[in-house]
Amino acid sequence: MEAKRALLIVDVQNDFCPGGALAVPEADKIIPNLNKYIKIFYKAKLPIFASRDWHPARTKHFKDFGGIWPVHCIQNTRGAAFHPKLKLPKDTIFLYKGMSDQKDSYSVFQAEDSRGTEFKKLLDLLGIRELYIGGLATDYCVKSSVLDALRYGFKVRLLIDAIKGVDLKPGDSVRAIEEMVKKGAKKATLKILNR
């Protein structure tokens, strides 16, 4: 069986976009490019995954309970919903992470679908060996997901024109991209894909 590719969109949720509880600067600017990637993968009949933070109201992830982040992406709230301009097809496979009140769960490899199947198992079942990854935030969930994918032996294309970072410390996103590339991720853009 030919190794299949899939698109992974990480955490493009209201709380991570302008006006949200933990807004990534200019996060909404990547949505038009993400929609173009979605179109390409949908036309090619390749799987599309979309992850979302899906936190309980009380979790060690939040400042109030010992973590570093403000309250965000609480299950079934508007903040946890995907950004309304993100055009996800009906057959998108949704992945939920951060449901534990004890763990941070930055990586999508700590996520599961609505039936409780872990992301890695889904990839193995579908015969996927290469992931095209975009979304939020470059220096946290995107980076953790890319590094885990590489660790598990997947090929990774990092969608440079469809990621944005938090940059808690100036330059965090640039350093994150350098680390991902050093570990084996290849940079990709719409221009490269449309050649």
C-alpha atoms as a PDB file:
ATOM      1  CA  MET A   1       0.000   0.000   0.000  1.00  0.00           C
ATOM      2  CA  GLU A   2       1.349   3.427  -0.936  1.00  0.00           C
ATOM      3  CA  ALA A   3       2.208   5.578   2.076  1.00  0.00           C
ATOM      4  CA  LYS A   4      -0.531   8.120   2.435  1.00  0.00           C
ATOM      5  CA  ARG A   5      -0.368  11.777   3.346  1.00  0.00           C
ATOM      6  CA  ALA A   6      -2.706  13.627   5.680  1.00  0.00           C
ATOM      7  CA  LEU A   7      -3.286  17.212   6.714  1.00  0.00           C
ATOM      8  CA  LEU A   8      -3.184  18.061  10.418  1.00  0.00           C
ATOM      9  CA  ILE A   9      -4.596  21.407  11.543  1.00  0.00           C
ATOM     10  CA  VAL A  10      -3.613  22.179  15.107  1.00  0.00           C
ATOM     11  CA  ASP A  11      -5.896  24.114  17.490  1.00  0.00           C
ATOM     12  CA  VAL A  12      -7.358  26.866  15.286  1.00  0.00           C
ATOM     13  CA  GLN A  13      -9.867  27.759  17.993  1.00  0.00           C
ATOM     14  CA  ASN A  14     -11.544  31.017  18.989  1.00  0.00           C
ATOM     15  CA  ASP A  15      -9.586  31.349  22.237  1.00  0.00           C
ATOM     16  CA  PHE A  16      -6.286  31.286  20.317  1.00  0.00           C
ATOM     17  CA  CYS A  17      -7.411  33.902  17.780  1.00  0.00           C
ATOM     18  CA  PRO A  18      -7.716  37.702  18.203  1.00  0.00           C
ATOM     19  CA  GLY A  19     -10.313  38.492  20.875  1.00  0.00           C
ATOM     20  CA  GLY A  20      -9.846  35.077  22.525  1.00  0.00           C
ATOM     21  CA  ALA A  21      -8.671  34.286  26.063  1.00  0.00           C
ATOM     22  CA  LEU A  22      -5.161  33.301  24.905  1.00  0.00           C
ATOM     23  CA  ALA A  23      -4.860  35.049  21.556  1.00  0.00           C
ATOM     24  CA  VAL A  24      -1.883  34.325  19.327  1.00  0.00           C
ATOM     25  CA  PRO A  25      -0.973  37.567  17.518  1.00  0.00           C
ATOM     26  CA  GLU A  26      -2.432  37.593  13.979  1.00  0.00           C
ATOM     27  CA  ALA A  27      -3.583  33.979  14.323  1.00  0.00           C
ATOM     28  CA  ASP A  28      -6.565  34.591  12.047  1.00  0.00           C
ATOM     29  CA  LYS A  29      -4.207  35.613   9.210  1.00  0.00           C
ATOM     30  CA  ILE A  30      -3.257  31.960   8.591  1.00  0.00           C
ATOM     31  CA  ILE A  31      -6.867  30.824   8.068  1.00  0.00           C
ATOM     32  CA  PRO A  32      -7.091  31.669   4.318  1.00  0.00           C
ATOM     33  CA  ASN A  33      -3.963  29.563   3.674  1.00  0.00           C
ATOM     34  CA  LEU A  34      -5.244  26.729   5.873  1.00  0.00           C
ATOM     35  CA  ASN A  35      -8.468  26.757   3.840  1.00  0.00           C
ATOM     36  CA  LYS A  36      -6.405  26.409   0.643  1.00  0.00           C
ATOM     37  CA  TYR A  37      -4.558  23.421   2.108  1.00  0.00           C
ATOM     38  CA  ILE A  38      -7.901  21.918   3.143  1.00  0.00           C
ATOM     39  CA  LYS A  39      -9.137  22.275  -0.446  1.00  0.00           C
ATOM     40  CA  ILE A  40      -6.015  20.564  -1.848  1.00  0.00           C
ATOM     41  CA  PHE A  41      -6.283  17.597   0.536  1.00  0.00           C
ATOM     42  CA  TYR A  42     -10.053  17.321   0.157  1.00  0.00           C
ATOM     43  CA  LYS A  43      -9.785  17.248  -3.652  1.00  0.00           C
ATOM     44  CA  ALA A  44      -7.090  14.569  -3.417  1.00  0.00           C
ATOM     45  CA  LYS A  45      -9.364  12.550  -1.076  1.00  0.00           C
ATOM     46  CA  LEU A  46      -6.692  12.555   1.618  1.00  0.00           C
ATOM     47  CA  PRO A  47      -7.556  12.589   5.342  1.00  0.00           C
ATOM     48  CA  ILE A  48      -7.883  15.882   7.190  1.00  0.00           C
ATOM     49  CA  PHE A  49      -7.425  15.988  10.962  1.00  0.00           C
ATOM     50  CA  ALA A  50      -8.239  18.981  13.160  1.00  0.00           C
ATOM     51  CA  SER A  51      -7.188  19.042  16.804  1.00  0.00           C
ATOM     52  CA  ARG A  52      -8.627  21.151  19.555  1.00  0.00           C
ATOM     53  CA  ASP A  53      -7.768  21.879  23.151  1.00  0.00           C
ATOM     54  CA  TRP A  54     -10.689  20.509  25.153  1.00  0.00           C
ATOM     55  CA  HIS A  55      -9.943  21.423  28.738  1.00  0.00           C
ATOM     56  CA  PRO A  56     -11.995  20.763  31.866  1.00  0.00           C
ATOM     57  CA  ALA A  57     -12.822  23.878  33.928  1.00  0.00           C
ATOM     58  CA  ARG A  58     -10.228  22.882  36.560  1.00  0.00           C
ATOM     59  CA  THR A  59      -6.825  21.763  35.296  1.00  0.00           C
ATOM     60  CA  LYS A  60      -3.177  22.149  36.318  1.00  0.00           C
ATOM     61  CA  HIS A  61      -2.713  23.682  32.856  1.00  0.00           C
ATOM     62  CA  PHE A  62      -4.318  26.949  34.045  1.00  0.00           C
ATOM     63  CA  LYS A  63      -2.669  29.658  36.189  1.00  0.00           C
ATOM     64  CA  ASP A  64      -5.436  29.399  38.790  1.00  0.00           C
ATOM     65  CA  PHE A  65      -4.406  25.794  39.493  1.00  0.00           C
ATOM     66  CA  GLY A  66      -0.606  26.021  39.203  1.00  0.00           C
ATOM     67  CA  GLY A  67      -0.034  26.222  35.432  1.00  0.00           C
ATOM     68  CA  ILE A  68       1.219  29.066  33.243  1.00  0.00           C
ATOM     69  CA  TRP A  69      -1.827  29.786  31.062  1.00  0.00           C
ATOM     70  CA  PRO A  70      -5.020  31.796  31.524  1.00  0.00           C
ATOM     71  CA  VAL A  71      -8.274  29.842  31.370  1.00  0.00           C
ATOM     72  CA  HIS A  72      -8.970  28.874  27.726  1.00  0.00           C
ATOM     73  CA  CYS A  73     -10.710  26.322  25.484  1.00  0.00           C
ATOM     74  CA  ILE A  74     -13.022  24.888  28.138  1.00  0.00           C
ATOM     75  CA  GLN A  75     -15.093  22.024  26.752  1.00  0.00           C
ATOM     76  CA  ASN A  76     -18.295  23.045  24.933  1.00  0.00           C
ATOM     77  CA  THR A  77     -17.636  26.791  25.157  1.00  0.00           C
ATOM     78  CA  ARG A  78     -17.423  29.329  22.345  1.00  0.00           C
ATOM     79  CA  GLY A  79     -13.703  29.705  23.065  1.00  0.00           C
ATOM     80  CA  ALA A  80     -13.101  26.012  22.369  1.00  0.00           C
ATOM     81  CA  ALA A  81     -14.978  26.114  19.036  1.00  0.00           C
ATOM     82  CA  PHE A  82     -13.036  26.201  15.789  1.00  0.00           C
ATOM     83  CA  HIS A  83     -12.664  29.675  14.278  1.00  0.00           C
ATOM     84  CA  PRO A  84     -15.807  30.320  12.174  1.00  0.00           C
ATOM     85  CA  LYS A  85     -13.763  31.131   9.049  1.00  0.00           C
ATOM     86  CA  LEU A  86     -11.951  27.782   9.103  1.00  0.00           C
ATOM     87  CA  LYS A  87     -13.702  25.704   6.422  1.00  0.00           C
ATOM     88  CA  LEU A  88     -13.477  22.147   7.693  1.00  0.00           C
ATOM     89  CA  PRO A  89     -15.185  19.511   5.533  1.00  0.00           C
ATOM     90  CA  LYS A  90     -17.849  17.212   7.010  1.00  0.00           C
ATOM     91  CA  ASP A  91     -15.538  14.201   7.081  1.00  0.00           C
ATOM     92  CA  THR A  92     -12.771  15.979   9.028  1.00  0.00           C
ATOM     93  CA  ILE A  93     -11.502  13.747  11.840  1.00  0.00           C
ATOM     94  CA  PHE A  94     -11.665  15.778  15.052  1.00  0.00           C
ATOM     95  CA  LEU A  95      -9.101  15.188  17.781  1.00  0.00           C
ATOM     96  CA  TYR A  96      -9.470  16.234  21.414  1.00  0.00           C
ATOM     97  CA  LYS A  97      -6.567  16.929  23.774  1.00  0.00           C
ATOM     98  CA  GLY A  98      -5.918  18.482  27.175  1.00  0.00           C
ATOM     99  CA  MET A  99      -8.854  16.653  28.760  1.00  0.00           C
ATOM    100  CA  SER A 100      -6.844  15.552  31.790  1.00  0.00           C
ATOM    101  CA  ASP A 101      -6.861  17.857  34.799  1.00  0.00           C
ATOM    102  CA  GLN A 102      -3.264  16.761  35.541  1.00  0.00           C
ATOM    103  CA  LYS A 103      -1.411  17.078  32.194  1.00  0.00           C
ATOM    104  CA  ASP A 104      -0.663  19.889  29.748  1.00  0.00           C
ATOM    105  CA  SER A 105      -1.000  17.775  26.549  1.00  0.00           C
ATOM    106  CA  TYR A 106       0.540  20.087  23.954  1.00  0.00           C
ATOM    107  CA  SER A 107       1.094  17.351  21.355  1.00  0.00           C
ATOM    108  CA  VAL A 108      -1.678  16.054  19.119  1.00  0.00           C
ATOM    109  CA  PHE A 109      -0.163  12.624  19.786  1.00  0.00           C
ATOM    110  CA  GLN A 110      -1.787  12.977  23.238  1.00  0.00           C
ATOM    111  CA  ALA A 111      -5.178  13.464  21.550  1.00  0.00           C
ATOM    112  CA  GLU A 112      -7.959  11.065  20.631  1.00  0.00           C
ATOM    113  CA  ASP A 113     -11.005  11.071  18.392  1.00  0.00           C
ATOM    114  CA  SER A 114     -14.610  11.122  19.630  1.00  0.00           C
ATOM    115  CA  ARG A 115     -14.521   7.338  20.121  1.00  0.00           C
ATOM    116  CA  GLY A 116     -11.355   7.448  22.222  1.00  0.00           C
ATOM    117  CA  THR A 117      -8.952   6.181  19.543  1.00  0.00           C
ATOM    118  CA  GLU A 118      -5.505   7.726  19.902  1.00  0.00           C
ATOM    119  CA  PHE A 119      -4.128   9.832  17.028  1.00  0.00           C
ATOM    120  CA  LYS A 120      -1.151   7.526  16.330  1.00  0.00           C
ATOM    121  CA  LYS A 121      -3.454   4.515  16.097  1.00  0.00           C
ATOM    122  CA  LEU A 122      -5.702   6.370  13.631  1.00  0.00           C
ATOM    123  CA  LEU A 123      -2.677   7.195  11.465  1.00  0.00           C
ATOM    124  CA  ASP A 124      -1.532   3.565  11.530  1.00  0.00           C
ATOM    125  CA  LEU A 125      -5.028   2.287  10.675  1.00  0.00           C
ATOM    126  CA  LEU A 126      -5.222   4.659   7.696  1.00  0.00           C
ATOM    127  CA  GLY A 127      -1.705   3.823   6.486  1.00  0.00           C
ATOM    128  CA  ILE A 128      -0.521   7.420   6.823  1.00  0.00           C
ATOM    129  CA  ARG A 129       3.229   8.009   6.856  1.00  0.00           C
ATOM    130  CA  GLU A 130       3.495  11.704   6.023  1.00  0.00           C
ATOM    131  CA  LEU A 131       1.862  14.639   7.813  1.00  0.00           C
ATOM    132  CA  TYR A 132       1.411  18.192   6.567  1.00  0.00           C
ATOM    133  CA  ILE A 133       1.089  20.275   9.732  1.00  0.00           C
ATOM    134  CA  GLY A 134      -0.192  23.834  10.234  1.00  0.00           C
ATOM    135  CA  GLY A 135      -2.049  25.778  12.918  1.00  0.00           C
ATOM    136  CA  LEU A 136      -1.417  27.207  16.389  1.00  0.00           C
ATOM    137  CA  ALA A 137       0.845  27.812  18.099  1.00  0.00           C
ATOM    138  CA  THR A 138       4.198  27.353  16.371  1.00  0.00           C
ATOM    139  CA  ASP A 139       6.179  27.315  19.611  1.00  0.00           C
ATOM    140  CA  TYR A 140       3.874  25.025  21.629  1.00  0.00           C
ATOM    141  CA  CYS A 141       1.310  22.619  20.184  1.00  0.00           C
ATOM    142  CA  VAL A 142       2.622  22.694  16.609  1.00  0.00           C
ATOM    143  CA  LYS A 143       6.200  22.135  17.791  1.00  0.00           C
ATOM    144  CA  SER A 144       5.254  19.333  20.218  1.00  0.00           C
ATOM    145  CA  SER A 145       3.158  17.595  17.558  1.00  0.00           C
ATOM    146  CA  VAL A 146       5.867  17.860  14.882  1.00  0.00           C
ATOM    147  CA  LEU A 147       8.586  16.564  17.202  1.00  0.00           C
ATOM    148  CA  ASP A 148       6.411  13.620  18.291  1.00  0.00           C
ATOM    149  CA  ALA A 149       5.549  12.815  14.656  1.00  0.00           C
ATOM    150  CA  LEU A 150       9.255  12.725  13.784  1.00  0.00           C
ATOM    151  CA  ARG A 151      10.006  10.612  16.863  1.00  0.00           C
ATOM    152  CA  TYR A 152       7.420   8.067  15.699  1.00  0.00           C
ATOM    153  CA  GLY A 153       9.025   7.922  12.246  1.00  0.00           C
ATOM    154  CA  PHE A 154       6.541  10.011  10.253  1.00  0.00           C
ATOM    155  CA  LYS A 155       7.690  12.361   7.505  1.00  0.00           C
ATOM    156  CA  VAL A 156       6.639  15.920   8.335  1.00  0.00           C
ATOM    157  CA  ARG A 157       5.997  18.915   6.124  1.00  0.00           C
ATOM    158  CA  LEU A 158       5.751  22.052   8.241  1.00  0.00           C
ATOM    159  CA  LEU A 159       3.370  24.524   6.594  1.00  0.00           C
ATOM    160  CA  ILE A 160       5.409  27.686   7.086  1.00  0.00           C
ATOM    161  CA  ASP A 161       2.697  29.941   5.607  1.00  0.00           C
ATOM    162  CA  ALA A 162       0.016  28.478   7.899  1.00  0.00           C
ATOM    163  CA  ILE A 163       1.483  28.693  11.423  1.00  0.00           C
ATOM    164  CA  LYS A 164       1.694  31.450  14.050  1.00  0.00           C
ATOM    165  CA  GLY A 165       3.371  31.485  17.453  1.00  0.00           C
ATOM    166  CA  VAL A 166       2.768  32.847  20.942  1.00  0.00           C
ATOM    167  CA  ASP A 167       6.339  34.121  21.454  1.00  0.00           C
ATOM    168  CA  LEU A 168       6.153  34.315  25.248  1.00  0.00           C
ATOM    169  CA  LYS A 169       9.853  35.131  24.883  1.00  0.00           C
ATOM    170  CA  PRO A 170      10.797  37.054  21.729  1.00  0.00           C
ATOM    171  CA  GLY A 171      12.074  34.668  19.060  1.00  0.00           C
ATOM    172  CA  ASP A 172      10.417  31.524  20.489  1.00  0.00           C
ATOM    173  CA  SER A 173       8.693  30.781  17.170  1.00  0.00           C
ATOM    174  CA  VAL A 174      11.850  31.203  15.091  1.00  0.00           C
ATOM    175  CA  ARG A 175      13.725  28.909  17.475  1.00  0.00           C
ATOM    176  CA  ALA A 176      10.863  26.385  17.361  1.00  0.00           C
ATOM    177  CA  ILE A 177      10.974  26.274  13.540  1.00  0.00           C
ATOM    178  CA  GLU A 178      14.769  25.841  13.615  1.00  0.00           C
ATOM    179  CA  GLU A 179      14.427  22.950  16.082  1.00  0.00           C
ATOM    180  CA  MET A 180      11.710  21.227  14.038  1.00  0.00           C
ATOM    181  CA  VAL A 181      13.758  21.512  10.829  1.00  0.00           C
ATOM    182  CA  LYS A 182      16.930  20.343  12.574  1.00  0.00           C
ATOM    183  CA  LYS A 183      15.075  17.232  13.790  1.00  0.00           C
ATOM    184  CA  GLY A 184      13.907  16.440  10.235  1.00  0.00           C
ATOM    185  CA  ALA A 185      10.770  18.432   9.370  1.00  0.00           C
ATOM    186  CA  LYS A 186      10.758  19.863   5.832  1.00  0.00           C
ATOM    187  CA  LYS A 187       9.345  23.344   5.239  1.00  0.00           C
ATOM    188  CA  ALA A 188       6.424  23.585   2.805  1.00  0.00           C
ATOM    189  CA  THR A 189       4.305  26.411   1.407  1.00  0.00           C
ATOM    190  CA  LEU A 190       1.358  26.690  -0.961  1.00  0.00           C
ATOM    191  CA  LYS A 191       3.762  27.765  -3.721  1.00  0.00           C
ATOM    192  CA  ILE A 192       5.761  24.541  -3.306  1.00  0.00           C
ATOM    193  CA  LEU A 193       2.600  22.392  -3.173  1.00  0.00           C
ATOM    194  CA  ASN A 194       1.028  24.029  -6.234  1.00  0.00           C
ATOM    195  CA  ARG A 195       4.047  23.525  -8.498  1.00  0.00           C
END
